[in-house]
Amino acid sequence: NRIVIEERPLPSEEQLLDRVRERLAVKVEHEIRHISARERVQKIDRLIPMVQKMADTEEGRRELAAICASYLQEHRPETTVDEESARQAEESRERGEPHGSGDSRRGGGDARRGGGGRGRGRRPRRRR
């Protein structure tokens, strides 16, 4: 498929947590923008003293972390595509290369039609 796979080091736990924090902050900020000032006071600002009290204890921090994890599970942040991958995909489209096309000489083909590719969609040959 002529795809160049760039090898990159795995991110550290700290880098992962920073990324989750950033995504969570963006998601929450986006949602806060869509509520009125009055609703913000009723639904959010009045909870600040409770959150501060929770953050003062280990158990409270664990509960806040559980709330964040639950929120992220229900509101999955969008993933992004890096600019280089997007540019390469656009160039392939401009050249008229179909996405994910295989070379028929290498056993490619459409699995839905039962064509080639490591025995998928084919019956084993009978020996005579």
C-alpha atoms as a PDB file:
ATOM      1  CA  ASN A   1       0.000   0.000   0.000  1.00  0.00           C
ATOM      2  CA  ARG A   2       3.067   2.230  -0.036  1.00  0.00           C
ATOM      3  CA  ILE A   3       2.356   3.521   3.449  1.00  0.00           C
ATOM      4  CA  VAL A   4       5.298   4.852   5.402  1.00  0.00           C
ATOM      5  CA  ILE A   5       4.842   4.191   9.089  1.00  0.00           C
ATOM      6  CA  GLU A   6       6.766   6.600  11.260  1.00  0.00           C
ATOM      7  CA  GLU A   7       8.197   5.035  14.379  1.00  0.00           C
ATOM      8  CA  ARG A   8       7.767   7.241  17.417  1.00  0.00           C
ATOM      9  CA  PRO A   9       8.483   6.631  21.087  1.00  0.00           C
ATOM     10  CA  LEU A  10       5.545   5.894  23.344  1.00  0.00           C
ATOM     11  CA  PRO A  11       4.430   8.877  25.423  1.00  0.00           C
ATOM     12  CA  SER A  12       5.222   8.873  29.116  1.00  0.00           C
ATOM     13  CA  GLU A  13       2.492   8.627  31.739  1.00  0.00           C
ATOM     14  CA  GLU A  14       2.974  12.346  32.462  1.00  0.00           C
ATOM     15  CA  GLN A  15       2.516  13.221  28.776  1.00  0.00           C
ATOM     16  CA  LEU A  16      -0.645  11.100  28.610  1.00  0.00           C
ATOM     17  CA  LEU A  17      -2.082  12.763  31.696  1.00  0.00           C
ATOM     18  CA  ASP A  18      -1.265  16.225  30.339  1.00  0.00           C
ATOM     19  CA  ARG A  19      -3.094  15.389  27.130  1.00  0.00           C
ATOM     20  CA  VAL A  20      -6.128  14.049  29.000  1.00  0.00           C
ATOM     21  CA  ARG A  21      -6.151  17.174  31.188  1.00  0.00           C
ATOM     22  CA  GLU A  22      -6.019  19.429  28.127  1.00  0.00           C
ATOM     23  CA  ARG A  23      -8.826  17.546  26.390  1.00  0.00           C
ATOM     24  CA  LEU A  24     -10.940  17.580  29.528  1.00  0.00           C
ATOM     25  CA  ALA A  25     -10.393  21.324  29.992  1.00  0.00           C
ATOM     26  CA  VAL A  26     -11.353  22.057  26.383  1.00  0.00           C
ATOM     27  CA  LYS A  27     -14.468  19.877  26.590  1.00  0.00           C
ATOM     28  CA  VAL A  28     -15.621  21.436  29.859  1.00  0.00           C
ATOM     29  CA  GLU A  29     -14.892  24.971  28.621  1.00  0.00           C
ATOM     30  CA  HIS A  30     -16.910  24.275  25.483  1.00  0.00           C
ATOM     31  CA  GLU A  31     -19.874  23.072  27.526  1.00  0.00           C
ATOM     32  CA  ILE A  32     -19.660  26.000  29.976  1.00  0.00           C
ATOM     33  CA  ARG A  33     -19.836  28.462  27.074  1.00  0.00           C
ATOM     34  CA  HIS A  34     -23.233  27.111  26.127  1.00  0.00           C
ATOM     35  CA  ILE A  35     -24.957  27.787  29.432  1.00  0.00           C
ATOM     36  CA  SER A  36     -26.214  31.124  30.644  1.00  0.00           C
ATOM     37  CA  ALA A  37     -24.597  33.065  33.488  1.00  0.00           C
ATOM     38  CA  ARG A  38     -27.615  32.342  35.682  1.00  0.00           C
ATOM     39  CA  GLU A  39     -27.393  28.612  35.060  1.00  0.00           C
ATOM     40  CA  ARG A  40     -23.643  28.736  35.650  1.00  0.00           C
ATOM     41  CA  VAL A  41     -24.199  30.156  39.130  1.00  0.00           C
ATOM     42  CA  GLN A  42     -26.904  27.585  39.918  1.00  0.00           C
ATOM     43  CA  LYS A  43     -25.197  24.543  38.472  1.00  0.00           C
ATOM     44  CA  ILE A  44     -21.467  25.193  38.776  1.00  0.00           C
ATOM     45  CA  ASP A  45     -20.338  28.111  40.924  1.00  0.00           C
ATOM     46  CA  ARG A  46     -22.279  26.968  43.969  1.00  0.00           C
ATOM     47  CA  LEU A  47     -20.340  23.681  43.908  1.00  0.00           C
ATOM     48  CA  ILE A  48     -16.897  25.307  44.062  1.00  0.00           C
ATOM     49  CA  PRO A  49     -16.676  25.207  47.903  1.00  0.00           C
ATOM     50  CA  MET A  50     -17.567  21.495  47.856  1.00  0.00           C
ATOM     51  CA  VAL A  51     -14.930  20.768  45.177  1.00  0.00           C
ATOM     52  CA  GLN A  52     -12.295  22.697  47.144  1.00  0.00           C
ATOM     53  CA  LYS A  53     -13.121  20.702  50.272  1.00  0.00           C
ATOM     54  CA  MET A  54     -12.922  17.433  48.297  1.00  0.00           C
ATOM     55  CA  ALA A  55      -9.553  18.436  46.821  1.00  0.00           C
ATOM     56  CA  ASP A  56      -8.130  18.850  50.344  1.00  0.00           C
ATOM     57  CA  THR A  57      -8.252  15.101  51.075  1.00  0.00           C
ATOM     58  CA  GLU A  58      -6.828  12.043  49.351  1.00  0.00           C
ATOM     59  CA  GLU A  59     -10.256  10.383  49.308  1.00  0.00           C
ATOM     60  CA  GLY A  60     -11.824  13.523  47.861  1.00  0.00           C
ATOM     61  CA  ARG A  61      -9.186  13.753  45.117  1.00  0.00           C
ATOM     62  CA  ARG A  62      -9.869  10.116  44.248  1.00  0.00           C
ATOM     63  CA  GLU A  63     -13.593  10.894  44.010  1.00  0.00           C
ATOM     64  CA  LEU A  64     -12.880  13.893  41.770  1.00  0.00           C
ATOM     65  CA  ALA A  65     -10.676  11.686  39.591  1.00  0.00           C
ATOM     66  CA  ALA A  66     -13.532   9.161  39.357  1.00  0.00           C
ATOM     67  CA  ILE A  67     -15.893  11.963  38.299  1.00  0.00           C
ATOM     68  CA  CYS A  68     -13.417  13.052  35.605  1.00  0.00           C
ATOM     69  CA  ALA A  69     -12.985   9.463  34.382  1.00  0.00           C
ATOM     70  CA  SER A  70     -16.739   8.979  34.208  1.00  0.00           C
ATOM     71  CA  TYR A  71     -17.161  12.268  32.361  1.00  0.00           C
ATOM     72  CA  LEU A  72     -14.472  11.330  29.833  1.00  0.00           C
ATOM     73  CA  GLN A  73     -16.082   7.925  29.316  1.00  0.00           C
ATOM     74  CA  GLU A  74     -19.437   9.530  28.506  1.00  0.00           C
ATOM     75  CA  HIS A  75     -18.009  12.458  26.517  1.00  0.00           C
ATOM     76  CA  ARG A  76     -15.161  10.973  24.525  1.00  0.00           C
ATOM     77  CA  PRO A  77     -12.916  13.744  23.236  1.00  0.00           C
ATOM     78  CA  GLU A  78     -12.451  13.893  19.485  1.00  0.00           C
ATOM     79  CA  THR A  79      -9.192  12.576  18.220  1.00  0.00           C
ATOM     80  CA  THR A  80      -7.157  14.610  15.830  1.00  0.00           C
ATOM     81  CA  VAL A  81      -5.203  13.759  12.748  1.00  0.00           C
ATOM     82  CA  ASP A  82      -1.765  15.273  12.487  1.00  0.00           C
ATOM     83  CA  GLU A  83      -1.219  17.690   9.618  1.00  0.00           C
ATOM     84  CA  GLU A  84       1.307  15.487   7.791  1.00  0.00           C
ATOM     85  CA  SER A  85      -1.083  12.511   7.646  1.00  0.00           C
ATOM     86  CA  ALA A  86      -3.902  14.757   6.461  1.00  0.00           C
ATOM     87  CA  ARG A  87      -1.654  16.246   3.751  1.00  0.00           C
ATOM     88  CA  GLN A  88      -0.557  12.828   2.539  1.00  0.00           C
ATOM     89  CA  ALA A  89      -4.150  11.592   2.391  1.00  0.00           C
ATOM     90  CA  GLU A  90      -5.155  14.683   0.406  1.00  0.00           C
ATOM     91  CA  GLU A  91      -2.273  14.177  -2.052  1.00  0.00           C
ATOM     92  CA  SER A  92      -3.328  10.546  -2.564  1.00  0.00           C
ATOM     93  CA  ARG A  93      -6.896  11.647  -3.315  1.00  0.00           C
ATOM     94  CA  GLU A  94      -5.641  14.269  -5.764  1.00  0.00           C
ATOM     95  CA  ARG A  95      -3.590  11.602  -7.588  1.00  0.00           C
ATOM     96  CA  GLY A  96      -6.734   9.479  -7.803  1.00  0.00           C
ATOM     97  CA  GLU A  97      -5.425   6.715  -5.563  1.00  0.00           C
ATOM     98  CA  PRO A  98      -8.319   5.000  -3.820  1.00  0.00           C
ATOM     99  CA  HIS A  99      -8.063   4.871  -0.055  1.00  0.00           C
ATOM    100  CA  GLY A 100      -6.777   1.548   1.190  1.00  0.00           C
ATOM    101  CA  SER A 101      -6.455   0.029  -2.272  1.00  0.00           C
ATOM    102  CA  GLY A 102      -4.292  -3.023  -2.586  1.00  0.00           C
ATOM    103  CA  ASP A 103      -2.060  -4.203  -5.359  1.00  0.00           C
ATOM    104  CA  SER A 104      -3.760  -7.172  -7.031  1.00  0.00           C
ATOM    105  CA  ARG A 105      -0.370  -8.770  -7.688  1.00  0.00           C
ATOM    106  CA  ARG A 106       0.160  -9.113  -3.949  1.00  0.00           C
ATOM    107  CA  GLY A 107      -3.081 -10.949  -3.188  1.00  0.00           C
ATOM    108  CA  GLY A 108      -5.151  -7.816  -2.754  1.00  0.00           C
ATOM    109  CA  GLY A 109      -8.749  -7.665  -3.736  1.00  0.00           C
ATOM    110  CA  ASP A 110     -12.064  -7.021  -2.226  1.00  0.00           C
ATOM    111  CA  ALA A 111     -12.781  -9.341   0.691  1.00  0.00           C
ATOM    112  CA  ARG A 112     -16.512  -8.738   0.191  1.00  0.00           C
ATOM    113  CA  ARG A 113     -16.232 -10.450  -3.203  1.00  0.00           C
ATOM    114  CA  GLY A 114     -14.082 -13.220  -1.805  1.00  0.00           C
ATOM    115  CA  GLY A 115     -10.968 -12.023  -3.627  1.00  0.00           C
ATOM    116  CA  GLY A 116      -7.389 -12.875  -2.610  1.00  0.00           C
ATOM    117  CA  GLY A 117      -5.552 -11.955   0.502  1.00  0.00           C
ATOM    118  CA  ARG A 118      -4.261 -14.632   2.851  1.00  0.00           C
ATOM    119  CA  GLY A 119      -7.109 -17.051   2.318  1.00  0.00           C
ATOM    120  CA  ARG A 120      -9.910 -14.803   3.521  1.00  0.00           C
ATOM    121  CA  GLY A 121     -13.225 -15.480   1.840  1.00  0.00           C
ATOM    122  CA  ARG A 122     -11.935 -18.579   0.019  1.00  0.00           C
ATOM    123  CA  ARG A 123     -12.617 -22.229   0.437  1.00  0.00           C
ATOM    124  CA  PRO A 124      -9.646 -24.527   0.732  1.00  0.00           C
ATOM    125  CA  ARG A 125      -8.815 -26.418  -2.459  1.00  0.00           C
ATOM    126  CA  ARG A 126      -9.693 -30.062  -2.600  1.00  0.00           C
ATOM    127  CA  ARG A 127      -6.854 -32.393  -3.366  1.00  0.00           C
ATOM    128  CA  ARG A 128      -7.400 -35.020  -6.043  1.00  0.00           C
END
